[in-house]
Amino acid sequence: MSVLVVGISHKSAPVGLLEKLALDPDGAIKLVGDVVAGEHVTEATAIVTCNRLEVYAEVDRFHGSVEDVSGLLVARAEQPTEAMLRHLYVHYDEGAVSHLFQVAAGLDSMVVGEGQILGQTRDALRIGQEHGTVGPALNTLFQQALRVGKRAHAETDIDRAAPSLVSTALERSTAPVEGARAVVIGAGAMASLAVAHLARGGASSISVLNRTASRAQRLAQEYGATSLPMSALVDELAGADIVVSCTGAPEPLVRLVDVVTARGGSDRPLTVIDLALPHDVDPKLDELPGVELINLTSLADALRGLEATAGVDDVRTIVGQEIAAFLAVRRQASVTPTVVALRSMATAVVDAEMERLATRLPDLDEATRAEVLHTVRRVADKLLHEPTVRVKELADAEPAVSYTAALAELFRLDPQAVDRVTRAEGKS
C-alpha cells in the first residue's frame, strides 16, 4: 500500500478555478466518502482551504486510483476534463510524504510560513477519524505532519519572517490603517487576524459583522471592537475606509448595488479586501470611482515571488530531517512482516522435527528432550540472525521491497502468512 496525493492549489491553478472547487465542511466529507468508496482506496481524507484542495489516500495501485480521484475533482469543477487535468498535481509514496510535510510546515502556502494551514491539516485528520475514513497509515502520516508543523513554528523564526495574508493585503492598500474606520465581515481565523492587525495598526473604529451574532461578539470583545448583525452592512459601508471580508459564503456578500447605495455617488476613497474563496466581494467593485479592490487574484501575483528567508531555510532543514526519519521507520516496518513470517516458519520446522524425534525415540526422557529442543532452536536462531539483521540494515539505506521479496522467495514463505502479520500490525 502507498500514499497518493491528488490536488490543486494557488500554485497550479487560477483563483477562478479554485473558486469552482471550494467546498464547505459537508462537501469535504462527501468528497472524502466518494474517494474511499473507490476500488483501489483503503483510507482517505482531504485538506481543504481557500487556496488548495488536496485528497490524500492510501491506495493499492497507482494508475487506477489516480484516475478515480482525478475524476472526482474534475466532476466537481464542472470543467472540460483536459482543461482541468492540466491544473492537477500528483504525488505518490515518498513524494506524497514530502509534500504533506511541506504543506503542514507552511512552505507550500501562498504566504510562506502562515500558520493556519497547520490547523487545516489537523481538521483533515479529525474529519477522517470521525467518519472512519482514516486508518493506521494516514493517521501515522498526518500525526507526523502535525509534529513537523509544530517544530517549524517552535524552532524557527518562520512566524516573524513571513507576513500573514492579512498584513500583506493591508500593506498593499493605499488606505492608511491608522485612524481608519474599518469593517470586518466574518468571525473565523482569518477575520480574527484582520481585526488584530487593524487594532494594532491604530484603526479608529472596527465593526465586526457575522451571520452568527455570538461569534461576532466574542471576536469584537477581544479587541474592543463593535459587533453588528449582517443587516447593518450597507450602513457600515457608508462610513467605512477599509473593509475586509473573509467568510467564504457561497455568494458575494458585498454586492455592487449595496456599495453604490451606501456611497450615494461619492468618490471618497474606500479599500475593500476580499480574502475569501469563493469571492465575498463583487469583482466589479473595482470599477467604481474611489474604490480599491484587493483580492486573492491580485495578492497571488504579489506573493508568488516571495523570497525564502533564514527562517524558511531552517524550516526546510527540519522538513528534510523529518522526511528522512519517517521514511526510515516506514521502511523498517515494511521488513517486519517478512521477518516475523520467516521466524514463524523456522519455529514450525523445529516443532515438526521435534515431533518426528518423539516418534522415533519415544523413550527419550524429558530432560534430554528439553536440551535437544533448546539446541535446535539456538541453531535456527543463529542461522536466521544474519539475514534478519542484514535485511533491516538494507531497509535503512534504501527501499526494502526487493530485499523482502528475495527473502520471501528464498525461504518460500507463505504470502498469506506475511499478509496476516501486516494486517495485525495495521489492525485493519
Protein backbone atom coordinates (compact mmCIF):
# COMPACT_ATOMS: atom_id res chain seq x y z
CA MET A 1 0.00 0.00 0.00
CA SER A 2 1.18 3.53 -0.77
CA VAL A 3 0.08 7.12 -0.18
CA LEU A 4 -1.33 9.13 -3.08
CA VAL A 5 -1.97 12.87 -3.24
CA VAL A 6 -4.07 14.44 -5.99
CA GLY A 7 -4.55 18.16 -5.59
CA ILE A 8 -4.94 21.64 -6.96
CA SER A 9 -3.72 24.88 -5.39
CA HIS A 10 -2.83 28.51 -6.00
CA LYS A 11 0.45 27.28 -7.47
CA SER A 12 -1.20 25.19 -10.17
CA ALA A 13 -4.46 26.95 -11.00
CA PRO A 14 -6.03 30.43 -11.28
CA VAL A 15 -8.22 31.70 -8.47
CA GLY A 16 -11.33 31.43 -10.65
CA LEU A 17 -10.90 27.67 -10.97
CA LEU A 18 -10.17 27.27 -7.25
CA GLU A 19 -13.47 29.03 -6.56
CA LYS A 20 -15.33 26.36 -8.51
CA LEU A 21 -13.76 23.69 -6.31
CA ALA A 22 -14.39 25.45 -2.99
CA LEU A 23 -16.02 23.06 -0.51
CA ASP A 24 -17.88 23.64 2.73
CA PRO A 25 -17.41 21.06 5.54
CA ASP A 26 -20.27 18.89 4.28
CA GLY A 27 -18.86 19.00 0.76
CA ALA A 28 -15.43 17.95 2.03
CA ILE A 29 -16.94 14.99 3.91
CA LYS A 30 -18.87 13.96 0.79
CA LEU A 31 -15.73 14.11 -1.35
CA VAL A 32 -13.72 12.00 1.11
CA GLY A 33 -16.54 9.47 1.26
CA ASP A 34 -16.60 9.21 -2.54
CA VAL A 35 -12.82 8.76 -2.63
CA VAL A 36 -12.70 6.00 -0.01
CA ALA A 37 -15.51 4.19 -1.83
CA GLY A 38 -13.15 3.74 -4.78
CA GLU A 39 -11.95 0.29 -5.74
CA HIS A 40 -8.28 0.95 -5.02
CA VAL A 41 -8.55 3.15 -1.90
CA THR A 42 -8.48 1.92 1.71
CA GLU A 43 -8.12 5.26 3.54
CA ALA A 44 -8.73 8.87 2.57
CA THR A 45 -9.05 12.45 3.77
CA ALA A 46 -8.70 15.93 2.28
CA ILE A 47 -7.04 19.23 3.13
CA VAL A 48 -9.49 21.97 2.15
CA THR A 49 -8.54 25.65 2.28
CA CYS A 50 -9.35 28.73 0.25
CA ASN A 51 -6.15 28.19 -1.75
CA ARG A 52 -5.97 24.40 -2.09
CA LEU A 53 -7.93 21.17 -2.32
CA GLU A 54 -5.84 18.06 -1.80
CA VAL A 55 -7.03 14.47 -1.49
CA TYR A 56 -4.79 12.10 0.48
CA ALA A 57 -5.41 8.39 0.04
CA GLU A 58 -3.86 5.07 0.98
CA VAL A 59 -4.08 3.02 -2.24
CA ASP A 60 -3.15 -0.43 -3.50
CA ARG A 61 -2.23 0.70 -7.01
CA PHE A 62 -1.18 3.94 -8.67
CA HIS A 63 -2.88 4.26 -12.04
CA GLY A 64 -6.40 3.18 -11.17
CA SER A 65 -6.50 5.32 -8.02
CA VAL A 66 -5.14 8.42 -9.79
CA GLU A 67 -7.82 8.13 -12.44
CA ASP A 68 -10.59 7.68 -9.87
CA VAL A 69 -9.57 10.58 -7.61
CA SER A 70 -8.83 12.92 -10.52
CA GLY A 71 -12.23 12.10 -11.98
CA LEU A 72 -13.95 13.13 -8.75
CA LEU A 73 -12.18 16.51 -8.74
CA VAL A 74 -12.91 17.10 -12.41
CA ALA A 75 -16.60 16.37 -11.84
CA ARG A 76 -16.77 18.94 -9.05
CA ALA A 77 -15.08 21.65 -11.11
CA GLU A 78 -17.60 21.29 -13.95
CA GLN A 79 -14.79 21.97 -16.40
CA PRO A 80 -13.72 20.14 -19.57
CA THR A 81 -11.62 17.16 -18.47
CA GLU A 82 -8.45 18.11 -20.34
CA ALA A 83 -8.63 21.73 -19.21
CA MET A 84 -8.98 20.65 -15.60
CA LEU A 85 -6.38 17.88 -15.60
CA ARG A 86 -3.53 20.19 -16.53
CA HIS A 87 -4.05 22.08 -13.25
CA LEU A 88 -3.95 18.97 -11.05
CA TYR A 89 -0.77 17.64 -9.48
CA VAL A 90 0.01 14.16 -8.23
CA HIS A 91 2.45 12.95 -5.57
CA TYR A 92 2.98 9.30 -4.79
CA ASP A 93 4.51 7.37 -1.92
CA GLU A 94 7.69 9.17 -0.74
CA GLY A 95 6.77 12.21 -2.82
CA ALA A 96 3.39 12.34 -1.07
CA VAL A 97 5.06 12.23 2.35
CA SER A 98 7.41 15.05 1.38
CA HIS A 99 4.56 17.18 0.01
CA LEU A 100 2.38 16.83 3.11
CA PHE A 101 5.24 17.73 5.45
CA GLN A 102 5.99 20.86 3.39
CA VAL A 103 2.31 21.82 3.38
CA ALA A 104 1.99 21.39 7.16
CA ALA A 105 5.12 23.48 7.73
CA GLY A 106 3.74 26.33 5.62
CA LEU A 107 6.35 26.03 2.86
CA ASP A 108 3.74 25.50 0.15
CA SER A 109 1.36 28.27 1.23
CA MET A 110 0.50 31.39 -0.72
CA VAL A 111 2.16 33.29 2.11
CA VAL A 112 5.15 31.16 3.07
CA GLY A 113 5.09 30.23 6.74
CA GLU A 114 1.46 31.12 7.50
CA GLY A 115 0.22 29.15 10.48
CA GLN A 116 -3.41 28.50 9.55
CA ILE A 117 -2.51 25.54 7.36
CA LEU A 118 -1.45 23.60 10.46
CA GLY A 119 -4.98 23.85 11.84
CA GLN A 120 -6.43 22.89 8.45
CA THR A 121 -4.17 19.82 8.38
CA ARG A 122 -5.43 18.92 11.85
CA ASP A 123 -9.01 19.35 10.59
CA ALA A 124 -8.33 16.92 7.74
CA LEU A 125 -7.12 14.30 10.22
CA ARG A 126 -10.07 14.90 12.55
CA ILE A 127 -12.65 14.62 9.77
CA GLY A 128 -11.13 11.36 8.59
CA GLN A 129 -11.05 9.95 12.11
CA GLU A 130 -14.62 10.98 12.92
CA HIS A 131 -16.02 9.47 9.72
CA GLY A 132 -13.87 6.35 9.73
CA THR A 133 -12.01 7.09 6.50
CA VAL A 134 -8.58 7.47 8.15
CA GLY A 135 -6.88 4.29 9.31
CA PRO A 136 -3.43 3.47 10.67
CA ALA A 137 -1.48 4.58 7.58
CA LEU A 138 -2.89 8.10 7.18
CA ASN A 139 -3.23 8.57 10.93
CA THR A 140 0.51 7.98 11.39
CA LEU A 141 1.37 10.17 8.41
CA PHE A 142 -0.80 13.11 9.49
CA GLN A 143 0.29 12.90 13.13
CA GLN A 144 3.88 13.18 11.94
CA ALA A 145 2.97 16.07 9.63
CA LEU A 146 1.47 17.95 12.57
CA ARG A 147 4.68 17.35 14.50
CA VAL A 148 6.65 18.82 11.58
CA GLY A 149 4.43 21.90 11.51
CA LYS A 150 4.74 22.44 15.25
CA ARG A 151 8.53 22.12 15.09
CA ALA A 152 8.64 24.62 12.23
CA HIS A 153 6.87 27.29 14.28
CA ALA A 154 8.51 26.46 17.62
CA GLU A 155 12.13 26.13 16.49
CA THR A 156 12.47 28.76 13.75
CA ASP A 157 11.63 32.40 13.04
CA ILE A 158 9.10 31.47 10.37
CA ASP A 159 6.26 33.28 12.19
CA ARG A 160 8.14 36.56 12.11
CA ALA A 161 9.82 36.01 8.77
CA ALA A 162 6.68 35.52 6.71
CA PRO A 163 3.86 38.10 6.76
CA SER A 164 0.29 36.89 7.05
CA LEU A 165 -2.10 37.17 4.16
CA VAL A 166 -3.95 39.90 6.03
CA SER A 167 -0.90 42.04 6.68
CA THR A 168 0.22 41.66 3.06
CA ALA A 169 -3.17 42.88 1.86
CA LEU A 170 -3.14 45.84 4.24
CA GLU A 171 0.40 46.75 3.19
CA ARG A 172 -0.70 46.83 -0.43
CA SER A 173 -3.68 49.07 0.38
CA THR A 174 -3.42 52.79 -0.35
CA ALA A 175 -5.57 53.49 2.70
CA PRO A 176 -3.64 54.02 5.94
CA VAL A 177 -4.79 51.79 8.80
CA GLU A 178 -4.09 54.42 11.46
CA GLY A 179 -7.25 56.42 12.09
CA ALA A 180 -9.28 54.35 9.62
CA ARG A 181 -12.88 53.29 10.13
CA ALA A 182 -12.75 49.56 9.47
CA VAL A 183 -15.36 46.88 8.85
CA VAL A 184 -14.54 43.18 9.11
CA ILE A 185 -17.03 40.67 7.71
CA GLY A 186 -16.68 37.21 9.23
CA ALA A 187 -15.57 35.83 12.59
CA GLY A 188 -13.26 32.94 11.72
CA ALA A 189 -9.48 32.61 11.92
CA MET A 190 -8.81 34.99 9.02
CA ALA A 191 -11.25 37.56 10.40
CA SER A 192 -9.51 37.35 13.78
CA LEU A 193 -6.20 38.11 12.09
CA ALA A 194 -7.76 41.04 10.29
CA VAL A 195 -9.20 42.55 13.47
CA ALA A 196 -5.87 42.04 15.26
CA HIS A 197 -3.89 43.78 12.50
CA LEU A 198 -6.35 46.65 12.29
CA ALA A 199 -6.35 47.13 16.07
CA ARG A 200 -2.55 47.09 16.26
CA GLY A 201 -2.38 49.45 13.31
CA GLY A 202 -4.42 52.08 15.12
CA ALA A 203 -7.78 51.94 13.37
CA SER A 204 -10.13 54.48 14.94
CA SER A 205 -13.08 52.04 14.93
CA ILE A 206 -13.65 48.40 13.98
CA SER A 207 -17.02 46.82 13.33
CA VAL A 208 -17.34 43.03 13.14
CA LEU A 209 -20.28 41.65 11.15
CA ASN A 210 -21.15 37.98 11.06
CA ARG A 211 -24.20 35.81 10.46
CA THR A 212 -23.70 34.20 13.88
CA ALA A 213 -24.01 37.05 16.37
CA SER A 214 -22.31 35.23 19.27
CA ARG A 215 -19.11 34.65 17.28
CA ALA A 216 -19.01 38.29 16.19
CA GLN A 217 -19.48 39.38 19.81
CA ARG A 218 -16.62 37.22 21.10
CA LEU A 219 -14.23 38.49 18.46
CA ALA A 220 -15.26 42.12 18.94
CA GLN A 221 -14.90 41.94 22.73
CA GLU A 222 -11.39 40.57 22.45
CA TYR A 223 -10.18 43.67 20.60
CA GLY A 224 -12.55 46.35 21.85
CA ALA A 225 -14.46 46.42 18.57
CA THR A 226 -18.20 46.62 17.90
CA SER A 227 -20.26 43.60 16.83
CA LEU A 228 -23.18 44.11 14.47
CA PRO A 229 -25.64 41.92 12.53
CA MET A 230 -25.16 41.40 8.79
CA SER A 231 -28.23 43.56 8.20
CA ALA A 232 -26.12 46.59 9.18
CA LEU A 233 -23.71 46.08 6.26
CA VAL A 234 -24.98 48.86 3.99
CA ASP A 235 -24.95 51.41 6.81
CA GLU A 236 -21.41 50.39 7.77
CA LEU A 237 -20.21 50.61 4.17
CA ALA A 238 -21.37 54.24 4.05
CA GLY A 239 -18.79 55.35 6.59
CA ALA A 240 -16.00 52.81 6.11
CA ASP A 241 -12.45 53.47 4.93
CA ILE A 242 -11.35 49.82 4.92
CA VAL A 243 -13.50 46.71 4.52
CA VAL A 244 -12.05 43.21 4.99
CA SER A 245 -14.28 40.26 4.10
CA CYS A 246 -13.34 36.61 4.71
CA THR A 247 -16.39 34.40 5.15
CA GLY A 248 -16.26 32.05 2.17
CA ALA A 249 -20.03 32.37 1.70
CA PRO A 250 -21.40 30.66 -1.44
CA GLU A 251 -22.40 34.03 -2.95
CA PRO A 252 -20.88 37.53 -2.70
CA LEU A 253 -21.88 39.37 0.49
CA VAL A 254 -20.54 42.75 -0.59
CA ARG A 255 -22.61 43.45 -3.69
CA LEU A 256 -22.07 46.20 -6.20
CA VAL A 257 -25.58 47.59 -5.68
CA ASP A 258 -25.07 47.79 -1.91
CA VAL A 259 -21.79 49.68 -2.23
CA VAL A 260 -23.30 52.09 -4.77
CA THR A 261 -26.26 52.68 -2.44
CA ALA A 262 -24.02 53.18 0.58
CA ARG A 263 -21.72 55.64 -1.18
CA GLY A 264 -24.56 57.68 -2.69
CA GLY A 265 -22.50 58.88 -5.63
CA SER A 266 -19.46 59.80 -3.51
CA ASP A 267 -15.96 59.03 -4.80
CA ARG A 268 -14.48 59.03 -1.28
CA PRO A 269 -11.57 56.53 -1.05
CA LEU A 270 -12.60 53.04 0.06
CA THR A 271 -10.40 49.97 0.20
CA VAL A 272 -12.16 46.60 0.04
CA ILE A 273 -10.05 43.50 0.81
CA ASP A 274 -11.56 40.16 -0.23
CA LEU A 275 -9.74 37.19 1.32
CA ALA A 276 -12.38 34.55 0.61
CA LEU A 277 -12.90 31.75 -1.85
CA PRO A 278 -15.47 31.84 -3.34
CA HIS A 279 -15.32 35.63 -3.53
CA ASP A 280 -17.14 37.56 -0.82
CA VAL A 281 -16.98 40.74 -2.89
CA ASP A 282 -18.37 41.50 -6.34
CA PRO A 283 -15.27 41.89 -8.59
CA LYS A 284 -16.96 44.80 -10.39
CA LEU A 285 -16.41 46.98 -7.32
CA ASP A 286 -13.01 47.83 -8.77
CA GLU A 287 -14.78 49.83 -11.48
CA LEU A 288 -16.34 52.30 -9.01
CA PRO A 289 -14.61 55.69 -8.64
CA GLY A 290 -12.54 55.86 -5.47
CA VAL A 291 -12.89 52.13 -4.68
CA GLU A 292 -9.77 49.99 -4.43
CA LEU A 293 -10.37 46.22 -4.52
CA ILE A 294 -7.70 43.81 -3.28
CA ASN A 295 -8.49 40.11 -3.63
CA LEU A 296 -6.69 36.79 -3.79
CA THR A 297 -6.04 37.17 -7.51
CA SER A 298 -4.04 40.35 -7.04
CA LEU A 299 -2.38 39.02 -3.88
CA ALA A 300 -1.26 35.86 -5.67
CA ASP A 301 0.73 37.97 -8.11
CA ALA A 302 2.32 39.93 -5.28
CA LEU A 303 3.19 36.88 -3.18
CA ARG A 304 4.31 34.49 -5.90
CA GLY A 305 7.84 35.83 -5.86
CA LEU A 306 8.22 35.95 -2.09
CA GLU A 307 11.85 35.03 -1.39
CA ALA A 308 12.89 32.48 1.19
CA THR A 309 14.19 33.90 4.42
CA ALA A 310 16.56 32.49 7.02
CA GLY A 311 13.52 31.14 8.87
CA VAL A 312 12.31 29.36 5.75
CA ASP A 313 15.71 27.75 5.25
CA ASP A 314 15.60 26.47 8.82
CA VAL A 315 12.14 25.03 8.24
CA ARG A 316 13.33 23.26 5.11
CA THR A 317 16.09 21.66 7.16
CA ILE A 318 13.55 20.43 9.73
CA VAL A 319 11.27 19.09 7.00
CA GLY A 320 14.16 17.24 5.39
CA GLN A 321 15.11 15.64 8.71
CA GLU A 322 11.54 14.59 9.44
CA ILE A 323 11.02 13.13 5.97
CA ALA A 324 14.17 11.02 6.30
CA ALA A 325 13.19 9.81 9.77
CA PHE A 326 9.62 8.95 8.75
CA LEU A 327 10.68 7.03 5.66
CA ALA A 328 13.34 5.11 7.61
CA VAL A 329 10.74 3.98 10.16
CA ARG A 330 8.33 3.05 7.39
CA ARG A 331 10.98 1.00 5.57
CA GLN A 332 11.77 -0.81 8.81
CA ALA A 333 8.07 -1.52 9.26
CA SER A 334 7.85 -2.91 5.73
CA VAL A 335 10.51 -5.51 6.61
CA THR A 336 8.90 -6.65 9.86
CA PRO A 337 6.09 -8.83 8.41
CA THR A 338 8.57 -10.82 6.31
CA VAL A 339 10.97 -11.26 9.24
CA VAL A 340 8.13 -12.39 11.52
CA ALA A 341 6.90 -14.84 8.88
CA LEU A 342 10.44 -16.18 8.45
CA ARG A 343 10.84 -16.81 12.16
CA SER A 344 7.37 -18.37 12.35
CA MET A 345 8.36 -20.76 9.56
CA ALA A 346 11.55 -21.68 11.44
CA THR A 347 9.55 -22.34 14.61
CA ALA A 348 7.18 -24.58 12.66
CA VAL A 349 10.12 -26.55 11.23
CA VAL A 350 11.65 -27.01 14.69
CA ASP A 351 8.30 -28.15 16.13
CA ALA A 352 7.80 -30.62 13.27
CA GLU A 353 11.28 -32.09 13.72
CA MET A 354 10.77 -32.44 17.47
CA GLU A 355 7.52 -34.32 16.87
CA ARG A 356 9.36 -36.58 14.42
CA LEU A 357 12.06 -37.17 17.05
CA ALA A 358 9.45 -38.08 19.66
CA THR A 359 8.02 -40.69 17.28
CA ARG A 360 11.42 -42.23 16.55
CA LEU A 361 12.65 -42.06 20.16
CA PRO A 362 9.57 -42.47 22.33
CA ASP A 363 11.62 -43.39 25.39
CA LEU A 364 13.60 -40.12 25.37
CA ASP A 365 13.44 -38.57 28.84
CA GLU A 366 12.10 -35.05 29.34
CA ALA A 367 15.44 -33.54 30.38
CA THR A 368 17.17 -34.78 27.23
CA ARG A 369 14.22 -33.76 25.05
CA ALA A 370 14.32 -30.23 26.53
CA GLU A 371 18.08 -29.97 25.88
CA VAL A 372 17.65 -31.13 22.27
CA LEU A 373 14.81 -28.60 21.75
CA HIS A 374 16.95 -25.80 23.20
CA THR A 375 19.88 -26.72 20.94
CA VAL A 376 17.79 -26.94 17.78
CA ARG A 377 16.16 -23.57 18.49
CA ARG A 378 19.58 -21.98 19.05
CA VAL A 379 20.77 -23.36 15.70
CA ALA A 380 17.68 -21.96 13.94
CA ASP A 381 18.09 -18.57 15.63
CA LYS A 382 21.75 -18.36 14.64
CA LEU A 383 21.02 -19.30 11.05
CA LEU A 384 18.32 -16.61 10.82
CA HIS A 385 20.17 -13.90 12.74
CA GLU A 386 22.42 -12.66 9.95
CA PRO A 387 19.78 -12.40 7.18
CA THR A 388 17.37 -10.76 9.64
CA VAL A 389 19.88 -8.14 10.75
CA ARG A 390 21.12 -7.56 7.22
CA VAL A 391 17.69 -7.02 5.67
CA LYS A 392 16.91 -4.43 8.36
CA GLU A 393 20.20 -2.64 7.66
CA LEU A 394 19.45 -2.58 3.96
CA ALA A 395 15.98 -1.23 4.70
CA ASP A 396 17.56 1.78 6.42
CA ALA A 397 19.67 2.56 3.37
CA GLU A 398 17.18 2.14 0.55
CA PRO A 399 13.70 0.83 -0.24
CA ALA A 400 13.40 -2.67 1.14
CA VAL A 401 10.81 -4.15 -1.20
CA SER A 402 13.35 -6.07 -3.32
CA TYR A 403 15.11 -7.48 -0.25
CA THR A 404 11.95 -8.61 1.50
CA ALA A 405 10.70 -10.15 -1.74
CA ALA A 406 14.01 -12.01 -2.17
CA LEU A 407 13.88 -13.23 1.42
CA ALA A 408 10.32 -14.48 0.95
CA GLU A 409 11.25 -16.20 -2.31
CA LEU A 410 14.43 -17.84 -0.98
CA PHE A 411 12.64 -19.34 2.02
CA ARG A 412 9.35 -19.92 0.16
CA LEU A 413 7.39 -18.00 2.74
CA ASP A 414 3.61 -18.23 2.58
CA PRO A 415 2.34 -14.88 1.21
CA GLN A 416 -0.76 -15.21 3.39
CA ALA A 417 1.44 -15.53 6.48
CA VAL A 418 3.20 -12.25 5.60
CA ASP A 419 -0.15 -10.61 4.89
CA ARG A 420 -1.56 -11.74 8.24
CA VAL A 421 1.36 -10.07 10.05
CA THR A 422 0.82 -6.87 8.04
CA ARG A 423 -2.88 -6.78 8.93
CA ALA A 424 -2.17 -7.45 12.60
CA GLU A 425 0.30 -4.56 12.74
CA GLY A 426 -2.14 -2.24 10.97
CA LYS A 427 -5.11 -3.56 12.99
CA SER A 428 -7.36 -3.45 9.97
